[in-house]
């Protein structure tokens, strides 16, 4: 075993290696692990992009809802003013006067 370890060290330190430095039984699992790692990194980037897109969509929906509520409040206030006098105490109670 020690001889094989020395051989690997020597093969790794030579200029161009004369033969593969790692045996096939070690090289295949390492390549598989790196392929899985690249796949999980790609999946993470896709999930992050999806999260950012969802946040942008949620913010756009929030702005749209707030705009509709504001328009609804203005329309409700105008509707109340048509039926109630602007100095009516009911409007003052709700802070609309």
N, C-alpha and C. Protein backbone atom coordinates (compact mmCIF):
# COMPACT_ATOMS: atom_id res chain seq x y z
N UNK A 1 0.83 -1.19 0.00
CA UNK A 1 0.00 0.00 0.00
C UNK A 1 0.88 1.26 0.00
N UNK A 2 1.92 1.22 0.80
CA UNK A 2 2.84 2.35 0.87
C UNK A 2 3.53 2.58 -0.47
N UNK A 3 3.86 1.49 -1.15
CA UNK A 3 4.49 1.60 -2.46
C UNK A 3 3.53 2.23 -3.45
N UNK A 4 2.24 1.83 -3.39
CA UNK A 4 1.25 2.40 -4.30
C UNK A 4 1.05 3.89 -4.00
N UNK A 5 1.05 4.27 -2.73
CA UNK A 5 0.92 5.68 -2.37
C UNK A 5 2.10 6.50 -2.89
N UNK A 6 3.28 5.95 -2.76
CA UNK A 6 4.46 6.65 -3.30
C UNK A 6 4.37 6.78 -4.82
N UNK A 7 3.86 5.73 -5.47
CA UNK A 7 3.70 5.77 -6.93
C UNK A 7 2.73 6.88 -7.32
N UNK A 8 1.61 7.00 -6.60
CA UNK A 8 0.64 8.06 -6.90
C UNK A 8 1.26 9.44 -6.70
N UNK A 9 2.00 9.62 -5.62
CA UNK A 9 2.65 10.90 -5.39
C UNK A 9 3.65 11.22 -6.50
N UNK A 10 4.41 10.23 -6.88
CA UNK A 10 5.38 10.44 -7.94
C UNK A 10 4.70 10.72 -9.27
N UNK A 11 3.60 10.03 -9.55
CA UNK A 11 2.88 10.24 -10.80
C UNK A 11 2.25 11.64 -10.83
N UNK A 12 1.81 12.13 -9.66
CA UNK A 12 1.20 13.46 -9.60
C UNK A 12 2.23 14.56 -9.72
N UNK A 13 3.45 14.31 -9.35
CA UNK A 13 4.47 15.36 -9.38
C UNK A 13 5.26 15.37 -10.68
N UNK A 14 5.10 14.37 -11.53
CA UNK A 14 5.80 14.37 -12.81
C UNK A 14 5.21 15.42 -13.73
N UNK A 15 5.95 15.79 -14.77
CA UNK A 15 5.48 16.76 -15.76
C UNK A 15 4.16 16.32 -16.37
N UNK A 16 4.16 15.74 -17.52
CA UNK A 16 2.92 15.14 -18.00
C UNK A 16 2.85 13.70 -17.47
N UNK A 17 1.75 13.35 -16.80
CA UNK A 17 1.67 11.99 -16.27
C UNK A 17 1.64 10.97 -17.40
N UNK A 18 2.33 9.89 -17.18
CA UNK A 18 2.40 8.84 -18.19
C UNK A 18 1.12 8.02 -18.24
N UNK A 19 0.40 7.97 -17.13
CA UNK A 19 -0.87 7.25 -17.07
C UNK A 19 -1.77 8.00 -16.09
N UNK A 20 -3.06 7.70 -16.08
CA UNK A 20 -3.95 8.40 -15.15
C UNK A 20 -3.48 8.21 -13.71
N UNK A 21 -3.52 9.30 -12.96
CA UNK A 21 -3.01 9.25 -11.58
C UNK A 21 -4.02 8.61 -10.64
N UNK A 22 -5.31 8.68 -10.94
CA UNK A 22 -6.31 8.06 -10.09
C UNK A 22 -6.85 6.81 -10.77
N UNK A 23 -7.02 5.74 -10.01
CA UNK A 23 -7.60 4.55 -10.62
C UNK A 23 -9.06 4.79 -10.98
N UNK A 24 -9.57 4.00 -11.88
CA UNK A 24 -10.94 4.15 -12.38
C UNK A 24 -11.96 3.99 -11.25
N UNK A 25 -11.66 3.12 -10.30
CA UNK A 25 -12.61 2.91 -9.20
C UNK A 25 -12.77 4.15 -8.32
N UNK A 26 -11.78 5.03 -8.29
CA UNK A 26 -11.89 6.29 -7.56
C UNK A 26 -12.36 7.43 -8.45
N UNK A 27 -11.98 7.39 -9.70
CA UNK A 27 -12.31 8.48 -10.61
C UNK A 27 -13.80 8.55 -10.90
N UNK A 28 -14.43 7.40 -11.11
CA UNK A 28 -15.86 7.38 -11.44
C UNK A 28 -16.72 7.97 -10.33
N UNK A 29 -16.56 7.58 -9.06
CA UNK A 29 -17.39 8.22 -8.01
C UNK A 29 -17.13 9.72 -7.86
N UNK A 30 -15.88 10.12 -8.06
CA UNK A 30 -15.57 11.55 -7.97
C UNK A 30 -16.28 12.32 -9.08
N UNK A 31 -16.24 11.79 -10.29
CA UNK A 31 -16.92 12.44 -11.41
C UNK A 31 -18.43 12.48 -11.17
N UNK A 32 -19.00 11.41 -10.65
CA UNK A 32 -20.43 11.37 -10.35
C UNK A 32 -20.79 12.41 -9.29
N UNK A 33 -19.96 12.51 -8.27
CA UNK A 33 -20.21 13.48 -7.20
C UNK A 33 -20.15 14.91 -7.72
N UNK A 34 -19.18 15.21 -8.57
CA UNK A 34 -19.10 16.55 -9.13
C UNK A 34 -20.27 16.85 -10.06
N UNK A 35 -20.74 15.87 -10.80
CA UNK A 35 -21.92 16.07 -11.66
C UNK A 35 -23.15 16.36 -10.81
N UNK A 36 -23.32 15.62 -9.70
CA UNK A 36 -24.44 15.88 -8.79
C UNK A 36 -24.33 17.26 -8.16
N UNK A 37 -23.11 17.64 -7.80
CA UNK A 37 -22.89 18.96 -7.22
C UNK A 37 -23.26 20.07 -8.20
N UNK A 38 -22.84 19.94 -9.45
CA UNK A 38 -23.20 20.93 -10.46
C UNK A 38 -24.71 20.98 -10.66
N UNK A 39 -25.37 19.82 -10.63
CA UNK A 39 -26.83 19.79 -10.76
C UNK A 39 -27.52 20.48 -9.61
N UNK A 40 -27.03 20.27 -8.39
CA UNK A 40 -27.65 20.93 -7.24
C UNK A 40 -27.38 22.43 -7.25
N UNK A 41 -26.23 22.85 -7.74
CA UNK A 41 -25.95 24.29 -7.85
C UNK A 41 -26.89 24.93 -8.87
N UNK A 42 -27.10 24.26 -10.00
CA UNK A 42 -28.03 24.76 -11.01
C UNK A 42 -29.44 24.84 -10.45
N UNK A 43 -29.86 23.81 -9.71
CA UNK A 43 -31.19 23.83 -9.10
C UNK A 43 -31.32 24.96 -8.08
N UNK A 44 -30.26 25.22 -7.33
CA UNK A 44 -30.28 26.30 -6.36
C UNK A 44 -30.43 27.66 -7.05
N UNK A 45 -29.69 27.85 -8.14
CA UNK A 45 -29.80 29.12 -8.88
C UNK A 45 -31.20 29.29 -9.46
N UNK A 46 -31.79 28.21 -9.96
CA UNK A 46 -33.15 28.29 -10.50
C UNK A 46 -34.15 28.60 -9.39
N UNK A 47 -33.97 28.00 -8.22
CA UNK A 47 -34.87 28.27 -7.10
C UNK A 47 -34.73 29.72 -6.64
N UNK A 48 -33.52 30.22 -6.61
CA UNK A 48 -33.30 31.61 -6.21
C UNK A 48 -33.94 32.58 -7.19
N UNK A 49 -33.81 32.29 -8.49
CA UNK A 49 -34.46 33.14 -9.50
C UNK A 49 -35.97 33.08 -9.36
N UNK A 50 -36.51 31.90 -9.08
CA UNK A 50 -37.95 31.76 -8.87
C UNK A 50 -38.42 32.52 -7.65
N UNK A 51 -37.62 32.49 -6.59
CA UNK A 51 -37.97 33.23 -5.37
C UNK A 51 -37.99 34.74 -5.63
N UNK A 52 -36.99 35.23 -6.35
CA UNK A 52 -36.95 36.66 -6.67
C UNK A 52 -38.14 37.06 -7.54
N UNK A 53 -38.50 36.19 -8.48
CA UNK A 53 -39.64 36.47 -9.34
C UNK A 53 -40.94 36.46 -8.53
N UNK A 54 -41.06 35.55 -7.57
CA UNK A 54 -42.25 35.50 -6.73
C UNK A 54 -42.35 36.75 -5.86
N UNK A 55 -41.23 37.22 -5.34
CA UNK A 55 -41.23 38.44 -4.52
C UNK A 55 -41.65 39.63 -5.36
N UNK A 56 -41.14 39.71 -6.58
CA UNK A 56 -41.52 40.82 -7.47
C UNK A 56 -43.01 40.76 -7.79
N UNK A 57 -43.53 39.58 -8.04
CA UNK A 57 -44.96 39.42 -8.30
C UNK A 57 -45.81 39.80 -7.11
N UNK A 58 -45.35 39.39 -5.91
CA UNK A 58 -46.09 39.73 -4.69
C UNK A 58 -46.10 41.23 -4.46
N UNK A 59 -44.96 41.89 -4.71
CA UNK A 59 -44.91 43.35 -4.54
C UNK A 59 -45.81 44.06 -5.54
N UNK A 60 -45.83 43.56 -6.78
CA UNK A 60 -46.71 44.17 -7.78
C UNK A 60 -48.17 44.00 -7.40
N UNK A 61 -48.52 42.82 -6.89
CA UNK A 61 -49.91 42.57 -6.46
C UNK A 61 -50.27 43.47 -5.28
N UNK A 62 -49.34 43.64 -4.35
CA UNK A 62 -49.59 44.51 -3.20
C UNK A 62 -49.85 45.94 -3.66
N UNK A 63 -49.04 46.44 -4.60
CA UNK A 63 -49.25 47.80 -5.10
C UNK A 63 -50.60 47.93 -5.79
N UNK A 64 -50.96 46.91 -6.54
CA UNK A 64 -52.26 46.95 -7.23
C UNK A 64 -53.41 46.96 -6.23
N UNK A 65 -53.32 46.14 -5.19
CA UNK A 65 -54.38 46.11 -4.17
C UNK A 65 -54.45 47.44 -3.43
N UNK A 66 -53.30 47.99 -3.09
CA UNK A 66 -53.29 49.29 -2.40
C UNK A 66 -53.90 50.38 -3.28
N UNK A 67 -53.61 50.36 -4.56
CA UNK A 67 -54.21 51.34 -5.48
C UNK A 67 -55.71 51.19 -5.56
N UNK A 68 -56.17 49.95 -5.61
CA UNK A 68 -57.63 49.73 -5.67
C UNK A 68 -58.30 50.16 -4.38
N UNK A 69 -57.65 49.90 -3.24
CA UNK A 69 -58.23 50.32 -1.96
C UNK A 69 -58.29 51.84 -1.88
N UNK A 70 -57.22 52.50 -2.33
CA UNK A 70 -57.23 53.98 -2.31
C UNK A 70 -58.35 54.52 -3.20
N UNK A 71 -58.47 53.97 -4.41
CA UNK A 71 -59.55 54.43 -5.30
C UNK A 71 -60.91 54.13 -4.69
N UNK A 72 -61.03 52.99 -4.02
CA UNK A 72 -62.30 52.63 -3.36
C UNK A 72 -62.62 53.57 -2.23
N UNK A 73 -61.60 53.99 -1.46
CA UNK A 73 -61.83 54.93 -0.36
C UNK A 73 -62.28 56.28 -0.89
N UNK A 74 -61.66 56.72 -1.96
CA UNK A 74 -62.04 58.01 -2.55
C UNK A 74 -63.47 57.93 -3.07
N UNK A 75 -63.80 56.84 -3.74
CA UNK A 75 -65.16 56.69 -4.26
C UNK A 75 -66.17 56.57 -3.13
N UNK A 76 -65.81 55.86 -2.06
CA UNK A 76 -66.72 55.74 -0.91
C UNK A 76 -66.92 57.09 -0.25
N UNK A 77 -65.84 57.84 -0.10
CA UNK A 77 -65.95 59.15 0.51
C UNK A 77 -66.84 60.07 -0.33
N UNK A 78 -66.65 60.04 -1.65
CA UNK A 78 -67.50 60.86 -2.52
C UNK A 78 -68.95 60.41 -2.44
N UNK A 79 -69.17 59.11 -2.32
CA UNK A 79 -70.53 58.59 -2.20
C UNK A 79 -71.16 59.06 -0.89
N UNK A 80 -70.39 59.04 0.21
CA UNK A 80 -70.91 59.51 1.48
C UNK A 80 -71.22 61.00 1.43
N UNK A 81 -70.37 61.77 0.77
CA UNK A 81 -70.60 63.21 0.69
C UNK A 81 -71.86 63.55 -0.08
N UNK A 82 -72.27 62.67 -0.99
CA UNK A 82 -73.50 62.96 -1.72
C UNK A 82 -74.73 62.78 -0.83
N UNK A 83 -74.63 61.90 0.17
CA UNK A 83 -75.79 61.64 1.03
C UNK A 83 -75.71 62.31 2.39
N UNK A 84 -74.52 62.71 2.81
CA UNK A 84 -74.36 63.34 4.12
C UNK A 84 -73.68 64.70 3.94
N UNK A 85 -73.99 65.58 4.82
CA UNK A 85 -73.32 66.89 4.79
C UNK A 85 -71.89 66.72 5.27
N UNK A 86 -70.98 67.56 4.77
CA UNK A 86 -69.57 67.40 5.10
C UNK A 86 -69.28 67.71 6.56
N UNK A 87 -70.15 68.41 7.23
CA UNK A 87 -69.93 68.68 8.66
C UNK A 87 -70.73 67.74 9.54
N UNK A 88 -71.24 66.64 8.98
CA UNK A 88 -72.02 65.66 9.74
C UNK A 88 -71.12 64.99 10.78
N UNK A 89 -71.62 64.80 12.02
CA UNK A 89 -70.78 64.19 13.06
C UNK A 89 -70.39 62.73 12.75
N UNK A 90 -71.17 62.04 11.96
CA UNK A 90 -70.83 60.65 11.61
C UNK A 90 -69.53 60.63 10.81
N UNK A 91 -69.36 61.55 9.88
CA UNK A 91 -68.14 61.63 9.11
C UNK A 91 -66.95 61.99 10.00
N UNK A 92 -67.18 62.83 10.97
CA UNK A 92 -66.12 63.22 11.89
C UNK A 92 -65.69 62.02 12.74
N UNK A 93 -66.66 61.18 13.12
CA UNK A 93 -66.36 60.00 13.93
C UNK A 93 -65.40 59.05 13.18
N UNK A 94 -65.57 58.95 11.89
CA UNK A 94 -64.74 58.05 11.09
C UNK A 94 -63.52 58.75 10.50
N UNK A 95 -63.33 60.01 10.81
CA UNK A 95 -62.17 60.75 10.32
C UNK A 95 -62.28 61.13 8.87
N UNK A 96 -63.48 61.24 8.35
CA UNK A 96 -63.68 61.60 6.95
C UNK A 96 -64.05 63.06 6.78
N UNK A 97 -64.25 63.76 7.87
CA UNK A 97 -64.65 65.16 7.74
C UNK A 97 -63.45 66.06 7.60
